[in-house]
């Protein structure tokens, strides 16, 4: 293994160890409920102070690795060229909010000063990831481990606009759970200023919230079956809608019709775990049910949506909820030996996935390794 890969491995180990200092179980219900003092207990206590210190340290480490990179990612220099085009007021395909921020940063730091621009988006993207963990991660260290080994953080070193939108979508889930739909829509619309695809989460997250709040009835199954049929029979219509917003995806390298077998397997395993061993955890827990339905929607997208360009990214908006769902379901398994076995299985499976991810980072269409930074390289 190439030396710089150990930077990612060490970062994962150190931040997860720091995450073990965070005991968030008593606070997450308050954060989700919201209200006074942003949902926190009045005043402060030692555990809350430890949580904040550890969370801030994790944020600094993740931001540091992301913001200090140079020439990391297959689209790094493409972004650099686009930054310059934006500064010249020339046309680029990226969204208005992204263009305005890039132009302002170029005006402030100077033309072709791309390092501060990448740094700015790193700071903001990691903030939303860590804030989502703070607000929704009942088992913080476990959720952080899944976020890192699942590739969501490391892939954010590539595809800057998309992963900022994904981080905002993850953060916005708490407003859906609170039923503060105005705030939810406002954050999603803000995220759409960086990547329009995030608009998809408005109907998807609202549908998951609606289903999570009640019991499934016959008409739910009928409607779901109709939607599945539309994905199979109405692919042409869906493709025209997609290409209206992203015309440059038509017949591109991203429009390849491939199935994401790894993500299908992850979704199926989560579904089986929930339905066989964790039915009690899904019975009356709104958060668990909400995340579970998002996982179900992700499975549908991956199985029936191969006609969607970059289908993996579409599915990520849904299956990233696994970082919260898996720890919560496993923690509620009553039999201790089965709970430990389940935790070991999930940790091992994501560890293997991370190893394969690291191996694939050397590919020319990924190029997240070797890792270079502007301080030492």
Protein backbone atom coordinates (compact mmCIF):
# COMPACT_ATOMS: atom_id res chain seq x y z
CA UNK A 1 0.00 0.00 0.00
CA UNK A 2 1.30 3.42 -0.96
CA UNK A 3 2.47 5.53 1.97
CA UNK A 4 -0.05 8.36 1.78
CA UNK A 5 -2.95 5.89 2.14
CA UNK A 6 -1.95 5.68 5.80
CA UNK A 7 -3.02 9.30 6.16
CA UNK A 8 -6.61 8.26 5.48
CA UNK A 9 -6.31 5.17 7.69
CA UNK A 10 -4.76 7.14 10.56
CA UNK A 11 -7.35 9.90 10.21
CA UNK A 12 -10.12 7.30 10.49
CA UNK A 13 -8.61 5.63 13.56
CA UNK A 14 -7.81 8.87 15.40
CA UNK A 15 -11.16 10.55 14.77
CA UNK A 16 -13.13 7.43 15.72
CA UNK A 17 -11.12 7.19 18.96
CA UNK A 18 -11.95 10.83 19.65
CA UNK A 19 -15.57 10.04 18.83
CA UNK A 20 -15.59 7.50 21.65
CA UNK A 21 -15.30 10.46 24.03
CA UNK A 22 -18.70 11.64 22.81
CA UNK A 23 -21.73 10.26 24.66
CA UNK A 24 -24.64 11.66 22.69
CA UNK A 25 -27.54 9.38 23.59
CA UNK A 26 -29.10 11.72 26.14
CA UNK A 27 -28.77 14.77 23.90
CA UNK A 28 -29.94 13.60 20.46
CA UNK A 29 -33.65 13.48 21.45
CA UNK A 30 -33.30 17.08 22.64
CA UNK A 31 -31.52 18.16 19.47
CA UNK A 32 -34.19 16.52 17.33
CA UNK A 33 -36.99 18.04 19.38
CA UNK A 34 -35.34 21.47 19.10
CA UNK A 35 -36.58 24.48 20.98
CA UNK A 36 -34.81 26.24 23.83
CA UNK A 37 -31.04 26.55 23.59
CA UNK A 38 -31.12 24.75 20.23
CA UNK A 39 -32.36 21.62 21.94
CA UNK A 40 -29.53 21.38 24.46
CA UNK A 41 -29.99 21.02 28.17
CA UNK A 42 -30.04 24.37 29.99
CA UNK A 43 -26.56 25.31 31.17
CA UNK A 44 -23.74 22.85 30.64
CA UNK A 45 -22.36 19.67 32.17
CA UNK A 46 -19.11 17.78 31.91
CA UNK A 47 -20.29 15.31 29.32
CA UNK A 48 -21.64 18.08 27.13
CA UNK A 49 -18.29 19.86 27.42
CA UNK A 50 -16.43 16.65 26.47
CA UNK A 51 -18.75 16.18 23.53
CA UNK A 52 -18.04 19.68 22.27
CA UNK A 53 -14.28 19.43 22.69
CA UNK A 54 -14.07 16.03 20.99
CA UNK A 55 -16.44 17.13 18.22
CA UNK A 56 -14.38 20.25 17.56
CA UNK A 57 -11.16 18.22 17.44
CA UNK A 58 -12.74 15.82 14.94
CA UNK A 59 -13.93 18.74 12.85
CA UNK A 60 -10.43 20.28 12.79
CA UNK A 61 -8.78 17.01 11.74
CA UNK A 62 -11.28 16.27 8.97
CA UNK A 63 -11.18 19.84 7.73
CA UNK A 64 -7.39 19.94 7.82
CA UNK A 65 -6.95 16.88 5.62
CA UNK A 66 -9.60 18.11 3.19
CA UNK A 67 -8.64 21.79 3.01
CA UNK A 68 -4.89 21.21 2.68
CA UNK A 69 -5.11 18.83 -0.29
CA UNK A 70 -3.67 19.71 -3.68
CA UNK A 71 -4.09 17.81 -6.95
CA UNK A 72 -6.27 15.23 -5.17
CA UNK A 73 -9.28 14.02 -7.13
CA UNK A 74 -9.77 13.44 -10.83
CA UNK A 75 -11.70 16.70 -11.17
CA UNK A 76 -9.35 18.88 -9.11
CA UNK A 77 -7.82 20.70 -12.08
CA UNK A 78 -11.18 20.82 -13.86
CA UNK A 79 -12.51 22.75 -10.88
CA UNK A 80 -9.46 25.01 -10.97
CA UNK A 81 -10.14 25.83 -14.63
CA UNK A 82 -13.80 26.48 -13.84
CA UNK A 83 -12.83 28.81 -10.99
CA UNK A 84 -10.88 30.90 -13.50
CA UNK A 85 -13.72 30.88 -16.01
CA UNK A 86 -16.11 32.05 -13.30
CA UNK A 87 -13.70 34.85 -12.35
CA UNK A 88 -13.71 35.91 -16.01
CA UNK A 89 -17.57 35.96 -15.98
CA UNK A 90 -17.63 33.25 -18.64
CA UNK A 91 -20.26 30.52 -18.80
CA UNK A 92 -19.85 27.36 -16.74
CA UNK A 93 -22.39 24.63 -16.02
CA UNK A 94 -22.31 24.96 -12.21
CA UNK A 95 -25.10 26.51 -10.16
CA UNK A 96 -25.52 30.21 -9.35
CA UNK A 97 -24.67 30.05 -5.64
CA UNK A 98 -21.46 28.16 -6.31
CA UNK A 99 -20.44 30.61 -9.04
CA UNK A 100 -21.11 33.66 -6.88
CA UNK A 101 -19.08 32.33 -3.96
CA UNK A 102 -16.19 31.32 -6.22
CA UNK A 103 -16.18 34.73 -7.90
CA UNK A 104 -16.22 36.53 -4.55
CA UNK A 105 -13.36 34.40 -3.22
CA UNK A 106 -11.35 34.99 -6.39
CA UNK A 107 -11.90 38.73 -6.03
CA UNK A 108 -10.82 38.61 -2.40
CA UNK A 109 -7.77 36.33 -2.68
CA UNK A 110 -6.81 37.06 -6.28
CA UNK A 111 -7.19 35.48 -9.68
CA UNK A 112 -6.21 31.78 -9.92
CA UNK A 113 -5.87 31.48 -6.14
CA UNK A 114 -7.66 28.17 -6.10
CA UNK A 115 -6.33 26.80 -2.78
CA UNK A 116 -8.47 29.15 -0.63
CA UNK A 117 -11.50 28.28 -2.75
CA UNK A 118 -11.05 24.55 -2.18
CA UNK A 119 -10.33 25.30 1.47
CA UNK A 120 -13.54 27.27 1.89
CA UNK A 121 -15.72 24.48 0.51
CA UNK A 122 -13.87 21.94 2.66
CA UNK A 123 -14.58 23.98 5.80
CA UNK A 124 -18.28 24.25 4.96
CA UNK A 125 -18.80 20.65 3.79
CA UNK A 126 -17.13 19.10 6.85
CA UNK A 127 -19.10 21.45 9.11
CA UNK A 128 -22.42 20.07 7.84
CA UNK A 129 -21.20 16.46 8.12
CA UNK A 130 -20.01 16.96 11.71
CA UNK A 131 -23.07 19.01 12.70
CA UNK A 132 -25.33 16.23 11.39
CA UNK A 133 -23.39 13.72 13.50
CA UNK A 134 -23.71 16.02 16.51
CA UNK A 135 -27.48 16.38 16.11
CA UNK A 136 -28.50 12.89 14.98
CA UNK A 137 -25.68 10.53 15.97
CA UNK A 138 -26.98 8.77 19.07
CA UNK A 139 -23.90 6.53 18.85
CA UNK A 140 -21.47 9.14 17.63
CA UNK A 141 -18.28 7.11 17.20
CA UNK A 142 -20.10 4.30 15.37
CA UNK A 143 -21.83 6.77 13.02
CA UNK A 144 -18.53 8.56 12.39
CA UNK A 145 -16.87 5.23 11.55
CA UNK A 146 -19.62 4.48 9.02
CA UNK A 147 -19.36 7.96 7.52
CA UNK A 148 -15.63 7.54 6.97
CA UNK A 149 -15.40 3.88 5.95
CA UNK A 150 -18.51 4.23 3.79
CA UNK A 151 -16.52 6.70 1.71
CA UNK A 152 -18.79 9.72 2.07
CA UNK A 153 -16.16 11.96 3.64
CA UNK A 154 -13.22 10.78 1.52
CA UNK A 155 -15.20 11.06 -1.70
CA UNK A 156 -15.95 14.67 -0.77
CA UNK A 157 -12.33 15.40 -1.70
CA UNK A 158 -13.74 14.89 -5.21
CA UNK A 159 -16.97 16.31 -6.65
CA UNK A 160 -16.94 19.41 -4.45
CA UNK A 161 -20.40 20.71 -5.31
CA UNK A 162 -22.22 17.41 -4.96
CA UNK A 163 -20.79 16.45 -1.58
CA UNK A 164 -21.56 19.88 -0.13
CA UNK A 165 -25.17 19.34 -1.22
CA UNK A 166 -25.11 15.82 0.27
CA UNK A 167 -23.80 17.14 3.60
CA UNK A 168 -26.55 19.76 3.68
CA UNK A 169 -29.16 17.08 2.92
CA UNK A 170 -27.84 14.94 5.80
CA UNK A 171 -27.96 17.95 8.13
CA UNK A 172 -31.49 18.85 7.00
CA UNK A 173 -32.93 15.48 8.07
CA UNK A 174 -33.40 16.76 11.61
CA UNK A 175 -35.87 19.37 10.39
CA UNK A 176 -37.94 16.67 8.68
CA UNK A 177 -37.97 14.68 11.92
CA UNK A 178 -39.07 17.82 13.81
CA UNK A 179 -41.78 18.44 11.20
CA UNK A 180 -40.25 21.88 10.61
CA UNK A 181 -40.77 21.58 6.88
CA UNK A 182 -40.19 25.25 6.10
CA UNK A 183 -36.68 25.13 7.54
CA UNK A 184 -36.06 21.82 5.78
CA UNK A 185 -37.08 23.25 2.41
CA UNK A 186 -35.01 26.39 3.00
CA UNK A 187 -31.85 24.37 3.65
CA UNK A 188 -32.45 22.13 0.66
CA UNK A 189 -33.00 25.16 -1.57
CA UNK A 190 -29.73 26.55 -0.24
CA UNK A 191 -28.02 23.27 -1.11
CA UNK A 192 -29.54 23.43 -4.60
CA UNK A 193 -27.48 26.55 -5.19
CA UNK A 194 -24.48 24.19 -5.32
CA UNK A 195 -26.00 21.07 -6.89
CA UNK A 196 -29.56 20.96 -8.23
CA UNK A 197 -29.89 17.22 -7.67
CA UNK A 198 -30.47 17.82 -3.96
CA UNK A 199 -33.99 19.07 -4.78
CA UNK A 200 -34.87 15.38 -5.10
CA UNK A 201 -34.74 14.99 -1.32
CA UNK A 202 -37.75 17.26 -0.74
CA UNK A 203 -40.36 14.73 -1.95
CA UNK A 204 -38.25 11.72 -0.90
CA UNK A 205 -37.61 12.81 2.70
CA UNK A 206 -41.19 14.03 3.13
CA UNK A 207 -42.52 10.69 1.86
CA UNK A 208 -40.24 8.80 4.25
CA UNK A 209 -41.41 11.01 7.14
CA UNK A 210 -45.05 10.45 6.23
CA UNK A 211 -44.64 6.67 6.08
CA UNK A 212 -42.59 6.60 9.29
CA UNK A 213 -45.29 8.45 11.23
CA UNK A 214 -48.00 5.83 10.71
CA UNK A 215 -48.78 2.26 9.81
CA UNK A 216 -48.65 1.02 6.25
CA UNK A 217 -52.05 0.53 4.63
CA UNK A 218 -53.19 -1.14 1.45
CA UNK A 219 -53.14 2.06 -0.58
CA UNK A 220 -49.48 2.61 0.41
CA UNK A 221 -48.56 -0.68 -1.21
CA UNK A 222 -50.66 0.11 -4.29
CA UNK A 223 -49.01 3.52 -4.67
CA UNK A 224 -45.56 2.01 -4.14
CA UNK A 225 -46.22 -0.67 -6.71
CA UNK A 226 -47.37 1.96 -9.18
CA UNK A 227 -44.19 3.94 -8.66
CA UNK A 228 -42.06 0.83 -9.21
CA UNK A 229 -43.97 0.15 -12.42
CA UNK A 230 -43.35 3.71 -13.57
CA UNK A 231 -39.60 3.25 -13.04
CA UNK A 232 -39.67 0.19 -15.29
CA UNK A 233 -42.13 1.41 -17.94
CA UNK A 234 -41.56 5.15 -17.89
CA UNK A 235 -37.78 5.35 -18.10
CA UNK A 236 -37.91 7.57 -21.17
CA UNK A 237 -40.01 10.18 -19.38
CA UNK A 238 -37.74 10.20 -16.34
CA UNK A 239 -34.67 10.51 -18.54
CA UNK A 240 -36.10 13.53 -20.35
CA UNK A 241 -36.78 15.21 -17.01
CA UNK A 242 -33.21 14.50 -15.86
CA UNK A 243 -31.66 15.74 -19.11
CA UNK A 244 -33.72 18.92 -18.93
CA UNK A 245 -31.73 19.86 -15.81
CA UNK A 246 -28.48 18.13 -16.79
CA UNK A 247 -28.36 18.04 -20.63
CA UNK A 248 -24.61 17.33 -20.65
CA UNK A 249 -25.21 13.94 -19.00
CA UNK A 250 -26.98 12.57 -22.10
CA UNK A 251 -24.78 9.90 -23.75
CA UNK A 252 -21.88 10.88 -21.48
CA UNK A 253 -19.58 8.51 -19.60
CA UNK A 254 -21.97 8.82 -16.64
CA UNK A 255 -24.93 7.61 -18.73
CA UNK A 256 -23.82 3.99 -18.76
CA UNK A 257 -26.76 2.07 -17.27
CA UNK A 258 -24.61 0.24 -14.74
CA UNK A 259 -25.98 -1.29 -11.56
CA UNK A 260 -24.28 -0.46 -8.26
CA UNK A 261 -24.06 -3.97 -6.80
CA UNK A 262 -22.17 -2.88 -3.68
CA UNK A 263 -24.88 -0.38 -2.75
CA UNK A 264 -27.65 -2.88 -3.53
CA UNK A 265 -25.95 -5.38 -1.21
CA UNK A 266 -25.64 -2.78 1.56
CA UNK A 267 -29.31 -1.86 1.28
CA UNK A 268 -30.44 -5.49 1.24
CA UNK A 269 -28.33 -6.34 4.30
CA UNK A 270 -29.72 -3.36 6.21
CA UNK A 271 -33.27 -4.34 5.27
CA UNK A 272 -32.73 -7.94 6.39
CA UNK A 273 -31.10 -6.86 9.64
CA UNK A 274 -34.02 -4.60 10.42
CA UNK A 275 -36.80 -7.00 9.46
CA UNK A 276 -35.31 -10.13 11.05
CA UNK A 277 -33.45 -8.98 14.15
CA UNK A 278 -34.54 -5.39 14.84
CA UNK A 279 -38.30 -5.34 14.31
CA UNK A 280 -38.85 -3.96 17.78
CA UNK A 281 -36.46 -1.08 17.06
CA UNK A 282 -38.56 -0.25 13.98
CA UNK A 283 -41.95 -0.60 15.64
CA UNK A 284 -42.48 2.80 17.25
CA UNK A 285 -39.23 4.72 16.84
CA UNK A 286 -39.84 7.58 14.40
CA UNK A 287 -36.14 8.17 13.71
CA UNK A 288 -35.45 4.51 12.99
CA UNK A 289 -38.49 4.19 10.74
CA UNK A 290 -37.60 7.37 8.85
CA UNK A 291 -34.06 6.17 8.17
CA UNK A 292 -35.35 2.68 7.33
CA UNK A 293 -37.73 3.98 4.67
CA UNK A 294 -34.93 6.07 3.18
CA UNK A 295 -32.87 2.88 2.94
CA UNK A 296 -35.83 1.18 1.21
CA UNK A 297 -36.09 4.06 -1.26
CA UNK A 298 -32.36 3.79 -1.91
CA UNK A 299 -32.74 0.08 -2.67
CA UNK A 300 -35.49 0.86 -5.17
CA UNK A 301 -33.35 3.49 -6.87
CA UNK A 302 -30.35 1.18 -7.18
CA UNK A 303 -32.38 -1.78 -8.41
CA UNK A 304 -34.72 0.04 -10.81
CA UNK A 305 -32.88 3.27 -11.63
CA UNK A 306 -29.89 2.12 -13.64
CA UNK A 307 -31.14 4.39 -16.44
CA UNK A 308 -30.32 7.40 -14.22
CA UNK A 309 -26.88 8.90 -14.91
CA UNK A 310 -24.70 8.80 -11.78
CA UNK A 311 -27.33 6.68 -10.02
CA UNK A 312 -24.99 6.10 -7.08
CA UNK A 313 -25.07 9.78 -6.22
CA UNK A 314 -28.85 9.86 -6.37
CA UNK A 315 -29.01 6.90 -4.02
CA UNK A 316 -26.49 8.45 -1.60
CA UNK A 317 -29.08 11.05 -0.62
CA UNK A 318 -31.09 8.16 0.84
CA UNK A 319 -28.64 5.50 1.99
CA UNK A 320 -26.34 7.91 3.83
CA UNK A 321 -28.99 7.62 6.56
CA UNK A 322 -27.49 4.17 7.27
CA UNK A 323 -24.81 5.88 9.37
CA UNK A 324 -27.54 6.68 11.91
CA UNK A 325 -29.86 3.72 11.36
CA UNK A 326 -27.39 0.87 11.80
CA UNK A 327 -26.02 1.93 15.22
CA UNK A 328 -29.52 2.65 16.53
CA UNK A 329 -30.96 -0.68 15.37
CA UNK A 330 -28.03 -2.71 16.65
CA UNK A 331 -28.11 -1.01 20.05
CA UNK A 332 -31.73 -2.05 20.52
CA UNK A 333 -31.15 -5.78 19.98
CA UNK A 334 -32.01 -7.31 23.34
CA UNK A 335 -29.74 -10.37 23.26
CA UNK A 336 -26.26 -9.23 24.18
CA UNK A 337 -24.41 -11.87 22.16
CA UNK A 338 -26.47 -11.12 19.07
CA UNK A 339 -25.95 -7.38 19.51
CA UNK A 340 -22.18 -7.86 19.75
CA UNK A 341 -22.19 -10.18 16.76
CA UNK A 342 -24.18 -7.69 14.72
CA UNK A 343 -21.87 -4.81 15.64
CA UNK A 344 -18.79 -6.88 14.80
CA UNK A 345 -20.33 -7.88 11.48
CA UNK A 346 -21.15 -4.30 10.48
CA UNK A 347 -17.76 -2.99 11.59
CA UNK A 348 -15.99 -5.78 9.70
CA UNK A 349 -18.09 -5.36 6.54
CA UNK A 350 -17.49 -1.60 6.40
CA UNK A 351 -13.81 -2.17 7.16
CA UNK A 352 -13.55 -4.47 4.12
CA UNK A 353 -15.47 -1.93 2.02
CA UNK A 354 -13.03 0.78 3.15
CA UNK A 355 -10.04 -1.37 2.17
CA UNK A 356 -11.53 -1.89 -1.30
CA UNK A 357 -12.29 1.82 -1.48
CA UNK A 358 -8.68 2.68 -0.69
CA UNK A 359 -7.51 0.30 -3.40
CA UNK A 360 -9.83 1.93 -5.92
CA UNK A 361 -8.67 5.45 -5.05
CA UNK A 362 -5.65 5.04 -7.33
CA UNK A 363 -7.83 4.67 -10.43
CA UNK A 364 -7.44 7.50 -12.95
CA UNK A 365 -11.16 8.32 -12.80
CA UNK A 366 -10.98 8.68 -8.98
CA UNK A 367 -7.42 9.71 -8.08
CA UNK A 368 -7.94 10.31 -4.37
CA UNK A 369 -4.57 8.62 -3.81
CA UNK A 370 -1.75 9.42 -3.61
CA UNK A 371 -2.67 12.18 -1.18
CA UNK A 372 -0.76 15.44 -1.60
CA UNK A 373 -1.05 18.65 0.39
CA UNK A 374 0.30 22.14 -0.17
CA UNK A 375 2.12 22.22 3.19
CA UNK A 376 4.58 19.37 2.59
CA UNK A 377 4.35 18.62 -1.16
